[in-house]
Amino acid sequence: METAIRISEQFGRRIAAADYVGAHALLTKGAQQAYTPKGFQRSFAEMTDYEPGAIKIVEIDAQFVLEDWQAKRPEDVACVYVVLLGEEYVEAVTLTLAREDGDIRIREIEWGQP
């Protein structure tokens, strides 16, 4: 679980730093086909279009780190809610992390608060 939390935090920090290529490198092979670095940039901009600005704080909300959930697949290890705080907004990204080739990678991304 610690690895899933660490990878989720890295993803949030890379998005905050506009390192979309670095964030993309944390994905499973299938997710790398489904998502693009340019798409990350677009998704973040759309999510915060009501109050654009940089992410100031990235936090993992321990209350929303799940080991079991309804849509869990056999390879999944965690579903992690990553809080993204800007000057004038509170947003989030929910990440599903899975085992792939001996590593833990991000399989699915949901932008915005549920």
N, C-alpha and C. Protein backbone atom coordinates (compact mmCIF):
# COMPACT_ATOMS: atom_id res chain seq x y z
N MET A 1 0.83 -1.20 0.00
CA MET A 1 0.00 0.00 0.00
C MET A 1 0.87 1.26 0.00
N GLU A 2 1.98 1.22 0.72
CA GLU A 2 2.87 2.39 0.78
C GLU A 2 3.37 2.77 -0.61
N THR A 3 3.67 1.77 -1.43
CA THR A 3 4.15 2.05 -2.79
C THR A 3 3.06 2.73 -3.61
N ALA A 4 1.83 2.27 -3.50
CA ALA A 4 0.72 2.88 -4.23
C ALA A 4 0.53 4.33 -3.81
N ILE A 5 0.64 4.60 -2.52
CA ILE A 5 0.50 5.97 -2.03
C ILE A 5 1.64 6.83 -2.54
N ARG A 6 2.86 6.30 -2.51
CA ARG A 6 4.03 7.06 -2.98
C ARG A 6 3.89 7.39 -4.48
N ILE A 7 3.47 6.43 -5.28
CA ILE A 7 3.31 6.66 -6.71
C ILE A 7 2.20 7.68 -6.97
N SER A 8 1.13 7.59 -6.22
CA SER A 8 0.03 8.55 -6.36
C SER A 8 0.49 9.97 -6.03
N GLU A 9 1.28 10.09 -4.98
CA GLU A 9 1.80 11.41 -4.61
C GLU A 9 2.76 11.92 -5.69
N GLN A 10 3.58 11.04 -6.24
CA GLN A 10 4.48 11.43 -7.33
C GLN A 10 3.68 11.94 -8.52
N PHE A 11 2.61 11.24 -8.86
CA PHE A 11 1.77 11.66 -9.97
C PHE A 11 1.25 13.08 -9.72
N GLY A 12 0.69 13.31 -8.53
CA GLY A 12 0.17 14.64 -8.20
C GLY A 12 1.25 15.72 -8.27
N ARG A 13 2.42 15.41 -7.75
CA ARG A 13 3.53 16.40 -7.78
C ARG A 13 4.00 16.68 -9.21
N ARG A 14 4.01 15.64 -10.04
CA ARG A 14 4.42 15.85 -11.43
C ARG A 14 3.38 16.67 -12.19
N ILE A 15 2.11 16.44 -11.93
CA ILE A 15 1.07 17.27 -12.54
C ILE A 15 1.22 18.71 -12.04
N ALA A 16 1.48 18.89 -10.75
CA ALA A 16 1.66 20.23 -10.18
C ALA A 16 2.83 20.95 -10.82
N ALA A 17 3.87 20.21 -11.18
CA ALA A 17 5.06 20.79 -11.79
C ALA A 17 4.93 20.90 -13.32
N ALA A 18 3.77 20.55 -13.85
CA ALA A 18 3.52 20.52 -15.29
C ALA A 18 4.47 19.55 -16.00
N ASP A 19 4.92 18.52 -15.28
CA ASP A 19 5.75 17.46 -15.85
C ASP A 19 4.81 16.34 -16.31
N TYR A 20 4.10 16.60 -17.39
CA TYR A 20 3.10 15.66 -17.87
C TYR A 20 3.73 14.39 -18.43
N VAL A 21 4.92 14.50 -19.01
CA VAL A 21 5.63 13.33 -19.52
C VAL A 21 6.06 12.45 -18.34
N GLY A 22 6.56 13.07 -17.28
CA GLY A 22 6.94 12.31 -16.08
C GLY A 22 5.75 11.63 -15.44
N ALA A 23 4.61 12.31 -15.40
CA ALA A 23 3.39 11.71 -14.85
C ALA A 23 2.96 10.53 -15.71
N HIS A 24 3.08 10.67 -17.01
CA HIS A 24 2.70 9.62 -17.95
C HIS A 24 3.55 8.36 -17.74
N ALA A 25 4.79 8.52 -17.34
CA ALA A 25 5.70 7.40 -17.13
C ALA A 25 5.27 6.52 -15.96
N LEU A 26 4.38 7.00 -15.11
CA LEU A 26 3.91 6.24 -13.94
C LEU A 26 2.73 5.32 -14.27
N LEU A 27 2.30 5.31 -15.52
CA LEU A 27 1.12 4.56 -15.94
C LEU A 27 1.47 3.14 -16.40
N THR A 28 0.46 2.26 -16.35
CA THR A 28 0.60 0.93 -16.94
C THR A 28 0.74 1.10 -18.46
N LYS A 29 1.17 0.05 -19.12
CA LYS A 29 1.31 0.10 -20.58
C LYS A 29 -0.03 0.42 -21.25
N GLY A 30 -1.09 -0.22 -20.78
CA GLY A 30 -2.41 0.04 -21.36
C GLY A 30 -2.86 1.47 -21.13
N ALA A 31 -2.61 1.98 -19.94
CA ALA A 31 -2.99 3.36 -19.62
C ALA A 31 -2.16 4.35 -20.44
N GLN A 32 -0.91 4.00 -20.73
CA GLN A 32 -0.09 4.89 -21.56
C GLN A 32 -0.65 5.00 -22.97
N GLN A 33 -1.35 3.97 -23.41
CA GLN A 33 -2.01 4.02 -24.72
C GLN A 33 -3.30 4.84 -24.65
N ALA A 34 -3.97 4.77 -23.51
CA ALA A 34 -5.26 5.45 -23.36
C ALA A 34 -5.13 6.94 -23.03
N TYR A 35 -4.05 7.31 -22.34
CA TYR A 35 -3.84 8.69 -21.91
C TYR A 35 -2.56 9.22 -22.53
N THR A 36 -2.51 10.54 -22.73
CA THR A 36 -1.31 11.18 -23.26
C THR A 36 -0.89 12.34 -22.35
N PRO A 37 0.39 12.72 -22.40
CA PRO A 37 0.81 13.88 -21.62
C PRO A 37 0.01 15.13 -21.99
N LYS A 38 -0.26 15.32 -23.26
CA LYS A 38 -1.05 16.48 -23.71
C LYS A 38 -2.47 16.40 -23.12
N GLY A 39 -2.99 15.18 -23.05
CA GLY A 39 -4.31 14.98 -22.46
C GLY A 39 -4.33 15.33 -20.98
N PHE A 40 -3.22 15.04 -20.26
CA PHE A 40 -3.13 15.44 -18.85
C PHE A 40 -3.22 16.95 -18.72
N GLN A 41 -2.48 17.64 -19.57
CA GLN A 41 -2.48 19.10 -19.54
C GLN A 41 -3.90 19.63 -19.80
N ARG A 42 -4.57 19.06 -20.78
CA ARG A 42 -5.93 19.47 -21.13
C ARG A 42 -6.92 19.14 -20.00
N SER A 43 -6.81 17.95 -19.44
CA SER A 43 -7.71 17.55 -18.35
C SER A 43 -7.55 18.45 -17.13
N PHE A 44 -6.32 18.78 -16.78
CA PHE A 44 -6.08 19.67 -15.64
C PHE A 44 -6.66 21.06 -15.93
N ALA A 45 -6.43 21.58 -17.13
CA ALA A 45 -6.95 22.90 -17.49
C ALA A 45 -8.48 22.92 -17.46
N GLU A 46 -9.11 21.87 -17.97
CA GLU A 46 -10.57 21.80 -17.96
C GLU A 46 -11.12 21.69 -16.54
N MET A 47 -10.43 20.94 -15.70
CA MET A 47 -10.87 20.74 -14.33
C MET A 47 -10.83 22.05 -13.53
N THR A 48 -9.89 22.92 -13.86
CA THR A 48 -9.72 24.17 -13.10
C THR A 48 -10.08 25.41 -13.90
N ASP A 49 -10.82 25.24 -14.98
CA ASP A 49 -11.12 26.40 -15.83
C ASP A 49 -11.95 27.47 -15.12
N TYR A 50 -12.65 27.10 -14.05
CA TYR A 50 -13.44 28.07 -13.29
C TYR A 50 -12.55 28.98 -12.45
N GLU A 51 -11.32 28.54 -12.15
CA GLU A 51 -10.38 29.33 -11.36
C GLU A 51 -8.96 28.86 -11.69
N PRO A 52 -8.45 29.21 -12.88
CA PRO A 52 -7.14 28.73 -13.30
C PRO A 52 -6.03 29.14 -12.32
N GLY A 53 -5.02 28.32 -12.28
CA GLY A 53 -3.87 28.62 -11.44
C GLY A 53 -3.11 27.35 -11.10
N ALA A 54 -1.94 27.56 -10.57
CA ALA A 54 -1.05 26.45 -10.25
C ALA A 54 -1.52 25.68 -9.01
N ILE A 55 -1.12 24.43 -8.96
CA ILE A 55 -1.35 23.61 -7.77
C ILE A 55 -0.31 24.03 -6.74
N LYS A 56 -0.76 24.34 -5.54
CA LYS A 56 0.13 24.75 -4.46
C LYS A 56 0.48 23.60 -3.53
N ILE A 57 -0.48 22.69 -3.31
CA ILE A 57 -0.30 21.59 -2.37
C ILE A 57 -0.88 20.31 -2.97
N VAL A 58 -0.14 19.22 -2.83
CA VAL A 58 -0.60 17.88 -3.22
C VAL A 58 -0.68 17.06 -1.94
N GLU A 59 -1.85 16.47 -1.67
CA GLU A 59 -2.03 15.68 -0.46
C GLU A 59 -2.75 14.38 -0.79
N ILE A 60 -2.38 13.34 -0.08
CA ILE A 60 -3.09 12.07 -0.16
C ILE A 60 -4.03 12.03 1.04
N ASP A 61 -5.29 11.84 0.80
CA ASP A 61 -6.27 11.76 1.88
C ASP A 61 -6.36 10.29 2.30
N ALA A 62 -5.74 9.96 3.45
CA ALA A 62 -5.67 8.57 3.92
C ALA A 62 -7.05 7.94 4.07
N GLN A 63 -8.05 8.75 4.34
CA GLN A 63 -9.42 8.25 4.48
C GLN A 63 -9.93 7.67 3.16
N PHE A 64 -9.36 8.13 2.05
CA PHE A 64 -9.81 7.70 0.73
C PHE A 64 -8.73 6.91 -0.02
N VAL A 65 -7.97 6.12 0.70
CA VAL A 65 -7.07 5.14 0.11
C VAL A 65 -7.75 3.79 0.31
N LEU A 66 -8.24 3.23 -0.76
CA LEU A 66 -9.04 2.01 -0.68
C LEU A 66 -8.26 0.79 -1.15
N GLU A 67 -8.44 -0.31 -0.43
CA GLU A 67 -7.87 -1.59 -0.85
C GLU A 67 -8.95 -2.46 -1.48
N ASP A 68 -10.19 -2.20 -1.15
CA ASP A 68 -11.33 -2.92 -1.71
C ASP A 68 -12.39 -1.93 -2.18
N TRP A 69 -12.91 -2.13 -3.37
CA TRP A 69 -13.98 -1.30 -3.92
C TRP A 69 -14.71 -2.12 -4.98
N GLN A 70 -15.86 -1.67 -5.34
CA GLN A 70 -16.75 -2.44 -6.20
C GLN A 70 -16.15 -2.81 -7.56
N ALA A 71 -15.46 -1.90 -8.22
CA ALA A 71 -14.94 -2.15 -9.57
C ALA A 71 -13.51 -2.71 -9.58
N LYS A 72 -13.03 -3.17 -8.45
CA LYS A 72 -11.65 -3.67 -8.34
C LYS A 72 -11.44 -4.89 -9.23
N ARG A 73 -10.31 -4.88 -9.94
CA ARG A 73 -9.90 -6.01 -10.79
C ARG A 73 -8.83 -6.82 -10.03
N PRO A 74 -8.59 -8.04 -10.45
CA PRO A 74 -7.61 -8.89 -9.74
C PRO A 74 -6.21 -8.26 -9.62
N GLU A 75 -5.77 -7.52 -10.61
CA GLU A 75 -4.42 -6.92 -10.58
C GLU A 75 -4.36 -5.60 -9.80
N ASP A 76 -5.49 -5.05 -9.43
CA ASP A 76 -5.54 -3.77 -8.72
C ASP A 76 -5.06 -3.91 -7.28
N VAL A 77 -4.35 -2.88 -6.81
CA VAL A 77 -3.86 -2.90 -5.43
C VAL A 77 -4.45 -1.78 -4.58
N ALA A 78 -4.83 -0.66 -5.21
CA ALA A 78 -5.36 0.46 -4.44
C ALA A 78 -6.08 1.45 -5.34
N CYS A 79 -6.98 2.16 -4.72
CA CYS A 79 -7.64 3.31 -5.34
C CYS A 79 -7.31 4.49 -4.42
N VAL A 80 -6.66 5.50 -4.96
CA VAL A 80 -6.13 6.59 -4.14
C VAL A 80 -6.68 7.94 -4.61
N TYR A 81 -7.18 8.71 -3.66
CA TYR A 81 -7.73 10.05 -3.90
C TYR A 81 -6.63 11.05 -3.59
N VAL A 82 -6.21 11.80 -4.61
CA VAL A 82 -5.12 12.76 -4.47
C VAL A 82 -5.72 14.17 -4.52
N VAL A 83 -5.57 14.91 -3.45
CA VAL A 83 -6.11 16.27 -3.36
C VAL A 83 -5.11 17.23 -4.00
N LEU A 84 -5.62 18.12 -4.86
CA LEU A 84 -4.82 19.14 -5.54
C LEU A 84 -5.36 20.51 -5.13
N LEU A 85 -4.60 21.23 -4.34
CA LEU A 85 -5.04 22.53 -3.83
C LEU A 85 -4.35 23.65 -4.57
N GLY A 86 -5.15 24.55 -5.12
CA GLY A 86 -4.63 25.75 -5.75
C GLY A 86 -4.90 26.95 -4.87
N GLU A 87 -4.56 28.11 -5.36
CA GLU A 87 -4.81 29.34 -4.61
C GLU A 87 -6.30 29.54 -4.35
N GLU A 88 -7.12 29.23 -5.36
CA GLU A 88 -8.56 29.48 -5.27
C GLU A 88 -9.43 28.26 -5.55
N TYR A 89 -8.83 27.07 -5.57
CA TYR A 89 -9.62 25.88 -5.86
C TYR A 89 -9.14 24.69 -5.03
N VAL A 90 -10.03 23.75 -4.86
CA VAL A 90 -9.72 22.44 -4.28
C VAL A 90 -10.23 21.41 -5.28
N GLU A 91 -9.34 20.69 -5.86
CA GLU A 91 -9.69 19.67 -6.84
C GLU A 91 -9.01 18.36 -6.46
N ALA A 92 -9.18 17.36 -7.27
CA ALA A 92 -8.60 16.06 -6.96
C ALA A 92 -8.50 15.21 -8.22
N VAL A 93 -7.73 14.16 -8.08
CA VAL A 93 -7.64 13.12 -9.10
C VAL A 93 -7.70 11.80 -8.35
N THR A 94 -8.51 10.88 -8.86
CA THR A 94 -8.62 9.56 -8.25
C THR A 94 -7.87 8.58 -9.15
N LEU A 95 -6.94 7.86 -8.56
CA LEU A 95 -6.08 6.96 -9.31
C LEU A 95 -6.34 5.52 -8.90
N THR A 96 -6.43 4.64 -9.88
CA THR A 96 -6.48 3.21 -9.63
C THR A 96 -5.11 2.65 -9.98
N LEU A 97 -4.49 1.99 -9.02
CA LEU A 97 -3.15 1.44 -9.21
C LEU A 97 -3.21 -0.07 -9.27
N ALA A 98 -2.38 -0.63 -10.17
CA ALA A 98 -2.39 -2.07 -10.41
C ALA A 98 -0.97 -2.61 -10.52
N ARG A 99 -0.84 -3.90 -10.31
CA ARG A 99 0.44 -4.57 -10.52
C ARG A 99 0.62 -4.83 -12.02
N GLU A 100 1.84 -4.55 -12.48
CA GLU A 100 2.18 -4.84 -13.88
C GLU A 100 3.68 -5.12 -13.96
N ASP A 101 4.04 -6.29 -14.42
CA ASP A 101 5.44 -6.67 -14.59
C ASP A 101 6.26 -6.47 -13.31
N GLY A 102 5.67 -6.78 -12.17
CA GLY A 102 6.38 -6.68 -10.90
C GLY A 102 6.39 -5.30 -10.28
N ASP A 103 5.82 -4.32 -10.96
CA ASP A 103 5.76 -2.94 -10.46
C ASP A 103 4.31 -2.57 -10.16
N ILE A 104 4.15 -1.47 -9.47
CA ILE A 104 2.82 -0.90 -9.28
C ILE A 104 2.75 0.36 -10.12
N ARG A 105 1.73 0.42 -10.95
CA ARG A 105 1.55 1.53 -11.89
C ARG A 105 0.10 2.01 -11.85
N ILE A 106 -0.13 3.19 -12.41
CA ILE A 106 -1.48 3.76 -12.46
C ILE A 106 -2.21 3.18 -13.68
N ARG A 107 -3.34 2.56 -13.40
CA ARG A 107 -4.13 1.94 -14.47
C ARG A 107 -5.24 2.85 -14.98
N GLU A 108 -5.80 3.64 -14.09
CA GLU A 108 -6.95 4.47 -14.46
C GLU A 108 -6.91 5.80 -13.71
N ILE A 109 -7.40 6.84 -14.36
CA ILE A 109 -7.39 8.20 -13.80
C ILE A 109 -8.78 8.81 -13.94
N GLU A 110 -9.24 9.38 -12.86
CA GLU A 110 -10.51 10.14 -12.88
C GLU A 110 -10.20 11.55 -12.39
N TRP A 111 -10.35 12.51 -13.28
CA TRP A 111 -10.06 13.91 -12.96
C TRP A 111 -11.25 14.57 -12.28
N GLY A 112 -10.99 15.36 -11.27
CA GLY A 112 -12.03 16.13 -10.59
C GLY A 112 -12.58 15.40 -9.39
N GLN A 113 -13.30 16.14 -8.59
CA GLN A 113 -13.92 15.58 -7.40
C GLN A 113 -15.12 14.73 -7.82
N PRO A 114 -15.35 13.64 -7.10
CA PRO A 114 -16.50 12.79 -7.46
C PRO A 114 -17.83 13.49 -7.16
